[in-house]
Amino acid sequence: MASTENNPFKSTLQTVKIGAEECRFYDLSKLDAGKLKKLPFSVRVLLESAVRNCDNFHVLEKDVQNILNWSPAMDTSVEIPFKPARVILQDFTGVPVVVDFAAMREAVKRLGGDPHKINPICPADLVIDHSVQVDVSRR
């Protein structure tokens, strides 16, 4: 879970005990239960992600309000942040991503910068399945 230190919604953070383990979650109904009930489930998922990751840097308090005030007639120019916990890339789309990161790191290094600063915000897994070819086996 993201740090709650700078999260303006930390007052909605609740604790529940499941067996011997204590789990923490943001209770979205404490934001505005009336508005929350009207949101489609997919928008609630975006809202939960925004509340959990709100740091007023990457995810702003205004972003959370934009999602909470979502409607089908909403202005399409409103952007909302989404920070998934993990991205899984299939080899067909994942290999170009890895190549792009390598190229960006090489360019930063060539310009005298620190190539380690070029990293995705969230963890990414690359799954290579059918593209592996075996030319010789058991010799």
N, C-alpha and C. Protein backbone atom coordinates (compact mmCIF):
# COMPACT_ATOMS: atom_id res chain seq x y z
N MET A 1 0.85 -1.18 0.00
CA MET A 1 0.00 0.00 0.00
C MET A 1 0.89 1.24 0.00
N ALA A 2 0.48 2.23 -0.74
CA ALA A 2 1.23 3.48 -0.81
C ALA A 2 1.27 4.15 0.56
N SER A 3 2.25 5.00 0.75
CA SER A 3 2.40 5.71 2.02
C SER A 3 1.18 6.59 2.28
N THR A 4 0.72 6.60 3.53
CA THR A 4 -0.44 7.42 3.88
C THR A 4 -0.03 8.78 4.40
N GLU A 5 1.27 9.01 4.55
CA GLU A 5 1.78 10.24 5.16
C GLU A 5 1.22 11.50 4.50
N ASN A 6 1.29 11.59 3.17
CA ASN A 6 0.84 12.79 2.46
C ASN A 6 -0.53 12.60 1.81
N ASN A 7 -1.21 11.51 2.12
CA ASN A 7 -2.49 11.23 1.49
C ASN A 7 -3.60 12.04 2.16
N PRO A 8 -4.26 12.93 1.40
CA PRO A 8 -5.32 13.75 2.00
C PRO A 8 -6.56 12.94 2.39
N PHE A 9 -6.62 11.68 1.98
CA PHE A 9 -7.76 10.83 2.29
C PHE A 9 -7.45 9.80 3.38
N LYS A 10 -6.39 10.07 4.16
CA LYS A 10 -6.00 9.09 5.18
C LYS A 10 -7.07 8.92 6.26
N SER A 11 -7.98 9.88 6.39
CA SER A 11 -9.06 9.73 7.37
C SER A 11 -10.03 8.62 6.98
N THR A 12 -10.02 8.20 5.72
CA THR A 12 -10.91 7.13 5.28
C THR A 12 -10.25 5.76 5.43
N LEU A 13 -9.01 5.73 5.89
CA LEU A 13 -8.29 4.46 6.05
C LEU A 13 -8.86 3.67 7.22
N GLN A 14 -9.25 2.46 6.97
CA GLN A 14 -9.84 1.58 7.98
C GLN A 14 -9.00 0.32 8.14
N THR A 15 -9.17 -0.35 9.26
CA THR A 15 -8.47 -1.60 9.52
C THR A 15 -9.50 -2.69 9.79
N VAL A 16 -9.27 -3.85 9.22
CA VAL A 16 -10.12 -5.01 9.47
C VAL A 16 -9.21 -6.19 9.77
N LYS A 17 -9.63 -7.02 10.73
CA LYS A 17 -8.84 -8.19 11.09
C LYS A 17 -9.43 -9.40 10.39
N ILE A 18 -8.57 -10.10 9.65
CA ILE A 18 -8.97 -11.32 8.95
C ILE A 18 -8.08 -12.43 9.49
N GLY A 19 -8.64 -13.28 10.31
CA GLY A 19 -7.83 -14.28 10.99
C GLY A 19 -6.89 -13.58 11.94
N ALA A 20 -5.61 -13.88 11.80
CA ALA A 20 -4.60 -13.24 12.65
C ALA A 20 -4.01 -11.99 12.01
N GLU A 21 -4.39 -11.73 10.76
CA GLU A 21 -3.79 -10.62 10.01
C GLU A 21 -4.68 -9.38 10.02
N GLU A 22 -4.07 -8.22 10.24
CA GLU A 22 -4.79 -6.96 10.14
C GLU A 22 -4.56 -6.37 8.75
N CYS A 23 -5.64 -6.03 8.08
CA CYS A 23 -5.56 -5.45 6.74
C CYS A 23 -6.11 -4.03 6.77
N ARG A 24 -5.52 -3.17 5.95
CA ARG A 24 -5.97 -1.79 5.87
C ARG A 24 -6.58 -1.54 4.50
N PHE A 25 -7.63 -0.71 4.48
CA PHE A 25 -8.27 -0.36 3.21
C PHE A 25 -8.86 1.03 3.34
N TYR A 26 -9.04 1.67 2.20
CA TYR A 26 -9.69 2.98 2.16
C TYR A 26 -11.18 2.76 1.97
N ASP A 27 -11.97 3.24 2.91
CA ASP A 27 -13.43 3.10 2.87
C ASP A 27 -13.99 4.22 1.99
N LEU A 28 -14.29 3.88 0.75
CA LEU A 28 -14.74 4.88 -0.22
C LEU A 28 -16.09 5.49 0.16
N SER A 29 -16.90 4.76 0.92
CA SER A 29 -18.21 5.31 1.30
C SER A 29 -18.08 6.54 2.20
N LYS A 30 -16.92 6.74 2.79
CA LYS A 30 -16.70 7.92 3.63
C LYS A 30 -16.47 9.18 2.78
N LEU A 31 -16.24 9.00 1.48
CA LEU A 31 -16.07 10.17 0.60
C LEU A 31 -17.41 10.82 0.34
N ASP A 32 -18.31 10.09 -0.28
CA ASP A 32 -19.67 10.57 -0.55
C ASP A 32 -20.46 9.34 -0.98
N ALA A 33 -21.12 8.71 -0.02
CA ALA A 33 -21.81 7.44 -0.26
C ALA A 33 -22.85 7.57 -1.37
N GLY A 34 -23.53 8.71 -1.44
CA GLY A 34 -24.55 8.91 -2.48
C GLY A 34 -23.96 8.87 -3.88
N LYS A 35 -22.87 9.58 -4.07
CA LYS A 35 -22.21 9.60 -5.38
C LYS A 35 -21.60 8.23 -5.69
N LEU A 36 -21.02 7.59 -4.68
CA LEU A 36 -20.35 6.31 -4.87
C LEU A 36 -21.33 5.25 -5.39
N LYS A 37 -22.53 5.23 -4.85
CA LYS A 37 -23.54 4.24 -5.26
C LYS A 37 -23.94 4.38 -6.72
N LYS A 38 -23.81 5.58 -7.27
CA LYS A 38 -24.20 5.83 -8.66
C LYS A 38 -23.10 5.49 -9.66
N LEU A 39 -21.87 5.27 -9.18
CA LEU A 39 -20.75 5.01 -10.08
C LEU A 39 -20.75 3.56 -10.56
N PRO A 40 -20.45 3.33 -11.84
CA PRO A 40 -20.27 1.96 -12.32
C PRO A 40 -19.09 1.31 -11.59
N PHE A 41 -19.10 0.00 -11.50
CA PHE A 41 -18.05 -0.71 -10.78
C PHE A 41 -16.66 -0.36 -11.31
N SER A 42 -16.50 -0.29 -12.63
CA SER A 42 -15.19 0.01 -13.21
C SER A 42 -14.67 1.38 -12.78
N VAL A 43 -15.57 2.35 -12.63
CA VAL A 43 -15.16 3.68 -12.19
C VAL A 43 -14.81 3.65 -10.70
N ARG A 44 -15.50 2.80 -9.94
CA ARG A 44 -15.15 2.64 -8.52
C ARG A 44 -13.74 2.08 -8.36
N VAL A 45 -13.35 1.19 -9.25
CA VAL A 45 -11.98 0.65 -9.22
C VAL A 45 -10.97 1.76 -9.46
N LEU A 46 -11.24 2.62 -10.43
CA LEU A 46 -10.37 3.77 -10.69
C LEU A 46 -10.33 4.72 -9.50
N LEU A 47 -11.48 4.92 -8.86
CA LEU A 47 -11.56 5.79 -7.69
C LEU A 47 -10.72 5.23 -6.54
N GLU A 48 -10.84 3.94 -6.29
CA GLU A 48 -10.08 3.31 -5.20
C GLU A 48 -8.58 3.45 -5.46
N SER A 49 -8.16 3.23 -6.69
CA SER A 49 -6.75 3.37 -7.04
C SER A 49 -6.27 4.80 -6.81
N ALA A 50 -7.09 5.77 -7.22
CA ALA A 50 -6.71 7.18 -7.06
C ALA A 50 -6.63 7.56 -5.58
N VAL A 51 -7.60 7.11 -4.78
CA VAL A 51 -7.58 7.42 -3.35
C VAL A 51 -6.35 6.80 -2.69
N ARG A 52 -6.08 5.53 -3.01
CA ARG A 52 -4.96 4.81 -2.41
C ARG A 52 -3.62 5.45 -2.78
N ASN A 53 -3.51 5.96 -3.99
CA ASN A 53 -2.24 6.51 -4.47
C ASN A 53 -2.15 8.03 -4.41
N CYS A 54 -3.14 8.68 -3.84
CA CYS A 54 -3.17 10.14 -3.80
C CYS A 54 -2.02 10.68 -2.94
N ASP A 55 -1.14 11.42 -3.57
CA ASP A 55 0.00 12.03 -2.87
C ASP A 55 0.13 13.51 -3.22
N ASN A 56 -0.84 14.03 -3.98
CA ASN A 56 -0.82 15.41 -4.48
C ASN A 56 0.43 15.73 -5.30
N PHE A 57 1.01 14.68 -5.88
CA PHE A 57 2.12 14.85 -6.82
C PHE A 57 1.79 14.09 -8.10
N HIS A 58 1.80 12.75 -8.03
CA HIS A 58 1.39 11.94 -9.18
C HIS A 58 -0.13 11.89 -9.30
N VAL A 59 -0.78 11.74 -8.17
CA VAL A 59 -2.24 11.69 -8.13
C VAL A 59 -2.71 12.82 -7.22
N LEU A 60 -3.50 13.72 -7.79
CA LEU A 60 -3.95 14.90 -7.06
C LEU A 60 -5.32 14.68 -6.41
N GLU A 61 -5.59 15.45 -5.37
CA GLU A 61 -6.90 15.40 -4.71
C GLU A 61 -7.99 15.74 -5.73
N LYS A 62 -7.69 16.65 -6.64
CA LYS A 62 -8.64 17.03 -7.69
C LYS A 62 -8.96 15.83 -8.60
N ASP A 63 -7.96 14.97 -8.83
CA ASP A 63 -8.19 13.77 -9.65
C ASP A 63 -9.23 12.86 -8.99
N VAL A 64 -9.12 12.70 -7.68
CA VAL A 64 -10.08 11.88 -6.94
C VAL A 64 -11.47 12.49 -7.06
N GLN A 65 -11.58 13.81 -6.92
CA GLN A 65 -12.88 14.47 -7.04
C GLN A 65 -13.45 14.32 -8.45
N ASN A 66 -12.59 14.40 -9.46
CA ASN A 66 -13.05 14.22 -10.85
C ASN A 66 -13.67 12.84 -11.04
N ILE A 67 -13.04 11.83 -10.46
CA ILE A 67 -13.56 10.47 -10.60
C ILE A 67 -14.85 10.33 -9.81
N LEU A 68 -14.88 10.86 -8.60
CA LEU A 68 -16.08 10.77 -7.76
C LEU A 68 -17.26 11.48 -8.42
N ASN A 69 -16.99 12.53 -9.19
CA ASN A 69 -18.05 13.28 -9.86
C ASN A 69 -18.31 12.79 -11.29
N TRP A 70 -17.80 11.60 -11.62
CA TRP A 70 -17.94 11.06 -12.97
C TRP A 70 -19.40 10.94 -13.37
N SER A 71 -19.65 11.22 -14.65
CA SER A 71 -20.97 10.98 -15.23
C SER A 71 -20.76 10.66 -16.71
N PRO A 72 -21.71 9.98 -17.33
CA PRO A 72 -21.57 9.66 -18.76
C PRO A 72 -21.44 10.90 -19.63
N ALA A 73 -21.97 12.04 -19.17
CA ALA A 73 -21.93 13.28 -19.95
C ALA A 73 -20.70 14.12 -19.62
N MET A 74 -19.77 13.56 -18.89
CA MET A 74 -18.59 14.31 -18.43
C MET A 74 -17.74 14.79 -19.61
N ASP A 75 -17.10 15.92 -19.45
CA ASP A 75 -16.19 16.48 -20.44
C ASP A 75 -15.08 15.46 -20.71
N THR A 76 -14.90 15.08 -21.95
CA THR A 76 -13.93 14.03 -22.28
C THR A 76 -12.48 14.49 -22.19
N SER A 77 -12.26 15.77 -21.94
CA SER A 77 -10.88 16.25 -21.83
C SER A 77 -10.32 16.06 -20.41
N VAL A 78 -11.15 15.59 -19.49
CA VAL A 78 -10.70 15.35 -18.12
C VAL A 78 -9.88 14.07 -18.09
N GLU A 79 -8.65 14.18 -17.62
CA GLU A 79 -7.80 13.00 -17.50
C GLU A 79 -7.83 12.50 -16.08
N ILE A 80 -7.74 11.18 -15.95
CA ILE A 80 -7.68 10.60 -14.62
C ILE A 80 -6.44 9.70 -14.54
N PRO A 81 -5.80 9.68 -13.39
CA PRO A 81 -4.60 8.85 -13.24
C PRO A 81 -4.99 7.40 -12.94
N PHE A 82 -4.18 6.49 -13.41
CA PHE A 82 -4.38 5.08 -13.07
C PHE A 82 -3.01 4.47 -12.85
N LYS A 83 -2.80 4.00 -11.65
CA LYS A 83 -1.52 3.39 -11.29
C LYS A 83 -1.76 1.94 -10.90
N PRO A 84 -1.73 1.06 -11.87
CA PRO A 84 -1.96 -0.35 -11.54
C PRO A 84 -0.83 -0.90 -10.67
N ALA A 85 -1.13 -1.94 -9.92
CA ALA A 85 -0.13 -2.55 -9.06
C ALA A 85 0.94 -3.27 -9.87
N ARG A 86 0.57 -3.78 -11.03
CA ARG A 86 1.51 -4.52 -11.86
C ARG A 86 0.98 -4.53 -13.29
N VAL A 87 1.89 -4.56 -14.24
CA VAL A 87 1.52 -4.66 -15.65
C VAL A 87 2.09 -5.96 -16.18
N ILE A 88 1.26 -6.73 -16.83
CA ILE A 88 1.72 -7.98 -17.43
C ILE A 88 1.68 -7.79 -18.94
N LEU A 89 2.82 -7.99 -19.58
CA LEU A 89 2.92 -7.79 -21.01
C LEU A 89 3.19 -9.12 -21.71
N GLN A 90 2.43 -9.41 -22.71
CA GLN A 90 2.67 -10.58 -23.54
C GLN A 90 3.85 -10.24 -24.45
N ASP A 91 4.60 -11.24 -24.87
CA ASP A 91 5.85 -10.97 -25.59
C ASP A 91 5.68 -10.10 -26.82
N PHE A 92 4.57 -10.22 -27.53
CA PHE A 92 4.37 -9.44 -28.75
C PHE A 92 4.37 -7.94 -28.48
N THR A 93 3.80 -7.52 -27.35
CA THR A 93 3.78 -6.10 -27.00
C THR A 93 4.86 -5.74 -25.99
N GLY A 94 5.31 -6.71 -25.23
CA GLY A 94 6.28 -6.45 -24.17
C GLY A 94 7.69 -6.22 -24.65
N VAL A 95 8.11 -6.94 -25.70
CA VAL A 95 9.47 -6.79 -26.20
C VAL A 95 9.73 -5.35 -26.66
N PRO A 96 8.82 -4.72 -27.42
CA PRO A 96 9.07 -3.33 -27.78
C PRO A 96 9.18 -2.40 -26.57
N VAL A 97 8.45 -2.68 -25.50
CA VAL A 97 8.54 -1.86 -24.29
C VAL A 97 9.93 -1.99 -23.68
N VAL A 98 10.43 -3.22 -23.59
CA VAL A 98 11.76 -3.44 -23.03
C VAL A 98 12.82 -2.75 -23.90
N VAL A 99 12.67 -2.85 -25.21
CA VAL A 99 13.60 -2.19 -26.13
C VAL A 99 13.55 -0.67 -25.96
N ASP A 100 12.34 -0.11 -25.79
CA ASP A 100 12.21 1.32 -25.56
C ASP A 100 12.92 1.76 -24.29
N PHE A 101 12.75 1.01 -23.20
CA PHE A 101 13.44 1.35 -21.96
C PHE A 101 14.96 1.29 -22.15
N ALA A 102 15.44 0.27 -22.84
CA ALA A 102 16.88 0.14 -23.08
C ALA A 102 17.39 1.33 -23.90
N ALA A 103 16.64 1.72 -24.93
CA ALA A 103 17.05 2.85 -25.77
C ALA A 103 17.05 4.16 -24.97
N MET A 104 16.02 4.36 -24.13
CA MET A 104 15.98 5.57 -23.32
C MET A 104 17.14 5.61 -22.32
N ARG A 105 17.43 4.48 -21.70
CA ARG A 105 18.54 4.44 -20.74
C ARG A 105 19.86 4.72 -21.44
N GLU A 106 20.05 4.16 -22.63
CA GLU A 106 21.28 4.40 -23.39
C GLU A 106 21.41 5.87 -23.77
N ALA A 107 20.30 6.50 -24.18
CA ALA A 107 20.33 7.92 -24.55
C ALA A 107 20.67 8.79 -23.34
N VAL A 108 20.08 8.49 -22.18
CA VAL A 108 20.37 9.26 -20.96
C VAL A 108 21.84 9.09 -20.58
N LYS A 109 22.35 7.87 -20.69
CA LYS A 109 23.77 7.62 -20.37
C LYS A 109 24.68 8.40 -21.32
N ARG A 110 24.34 8.38 -22.61
CA ARG A 110 25.15 9.09 -23.62
C ARG A 110 25.16 10.59 -23.37
N LEU A 111 24.06 11.12 -22.79
CA LEU A 111 23.97 12.55 -22.49
C LEU A 111 24.55 12.90 -21.12
N GLY A 112 25.11 11.89 -20.43
CA GLY A 112 25.76 12.14 -19.15
C GLY A 112 24.86 12.01 -17.94
N GLY A 113 23.65 11.51 -18.14
CA GLY A 113 22.72 11.35 -17.02
C GLY A 113 22.80 9.96 -16.40
N ASP A 114 22.00 9.75 -15.39
CA ASP A 114 21.96 8.47 -14.69
C ASP A 114 20.90 7.59 -15.34
N PRO A 115 21.31 6.52 -16.04
CA PRO A 115 20.34 5.67 -16.74
C PRO A 115 19.41 4.92 -15.79
N HIS A 116 19.76 4.81 -14.51
CA HIS A 116 18.91 4.12 -13.55
C HIS A 116 17.64 4.91 -13.21
N LYS A 117 17.61 6.17 -13.63
CA LYS A 117 16.41 6.98 -13.39
C LYS A 117 15.28 6.64 -14.36
N ILE A 118 15.61 5.92 -15.41
CA ILE A 118 14.60 5.51 -16.39
C ILE A 118 14.03 4.16 -15.93
N ASN A 119 12.91 4.23 -15.25
CA ASN A 119 12.24 3.04 -14.73
C ASN A 119 10.74 3.24 -14.77
N PRO A 120 9.99 2.17 -14.98
CA PRO A 120 8.53 2.31 -14.92
C PRO A 120 8.09 2.62 -13.49
N ILE A 121 6.97 3.31 -13.35
CA ILE A 121 6.44 3.65 -12.03
C ILE A 121 5.95 2.40 -11.31
N CYS A 122 5.39 1.46 -12.06
CA CYS A 122 4.90 0.23 -11.42
C CYS A 122 5.65 -0.97 -11.97
N PRO A 123 5.72 -2.04 -11.20
CA PRO A 123 6.42 -3.24 -11.66
C PRO A 123 5.78 -3.78 -12.95
N ALA A 124 6.59 -4.38 -13.78
CA ALA A 124 6.10 -4.97 -15.03
C ALA A 124 6.66 -6.37 -15.17
N ASP A 125 5.83 -7.28 -15.62
CA ASP A 125 6.24 -8.65 -15.89
C ASP A 125 6.13 -8.88 -17.38
N LEU A 126 7.13 -9.51 -17.94
CA LEU A 126 7.12 -9.84 -19.35
C LEU A 126 6.98 -11.35 -19.46
N VAL A 127 5.94 -11.79 -20.14
CA VAL A 127 5.68 -13.21 -20.32
C VAL A 127 6.06 -13.58 -21.74
N ILE A 128 7.05 -14.46 -21.88
CA ILE A 128 7.45 -14.94 -23.20
C ILE A 128 7.03 -16.39 -23.28
N ASP A 129 6.13 -16.69 -24.18
CA ASP A 129 5.63 -18.05 -24.26
C ASP A 129 5.91 -18.70 -25.61
N HIS A 130 5.15 -18.41 -26.60
CA HIS A 130 5.26 -19.11 -27.88
C HIS A 130 6.36 -18.60 -28.79
N SER A 131 7.01 -17.53 -28.45
CA SER A 131 8.01 -16.96 -29.34
C SER A 131 9.40 -17.54 -29.13
N VAL A 132 9.54 -18.44 -28.18
CA VAL A 132 10.84 -19.07 -27.95
C VAL A 132 10.96 -20.25 -28.92
N GLN A 133 12.03 -20.26 -29.68
CA GLN A 133 12.23 -21.30 -30.67
C GLN A 133 13.43 -22.14 -30.27
N VAL A 134 13.30 -23.45 -30.35
CA VAL A 134 14.38 -24.36 -30.05
C VAL A 134 14.88 -24.92 -31.37
N ASP A 135 16.15 -24.64 -31.71
CA ASP A 135 16.72 -25.13 -32.95
C ASP A 135 17.35 -26.51 -32.79
N VAL A 136 17.96 -26.75 -31.64
CA VAL A 136 18.63 -28.02 -31.40
C VAL A 136 18.29 -28.47 -30.00
N SER A 137 18.00 -29.76 -29.84
CA SER A 137 17.65 -30.27 -28.52
C SER A 137 18.22 -31.66 -28.31
N ARG A 138 18.65 -31.97 -27.09
CA ARG A 138 19.12 -33.29 -26.65
C ARG A 138 20.25 -33.85 -27.52
N ARG A 139 21.26 -33.08 -27.77
CA ARG A 139 22.44 -33.60 -28.48
C ARG A 139 23.61 -33.61 -27.57
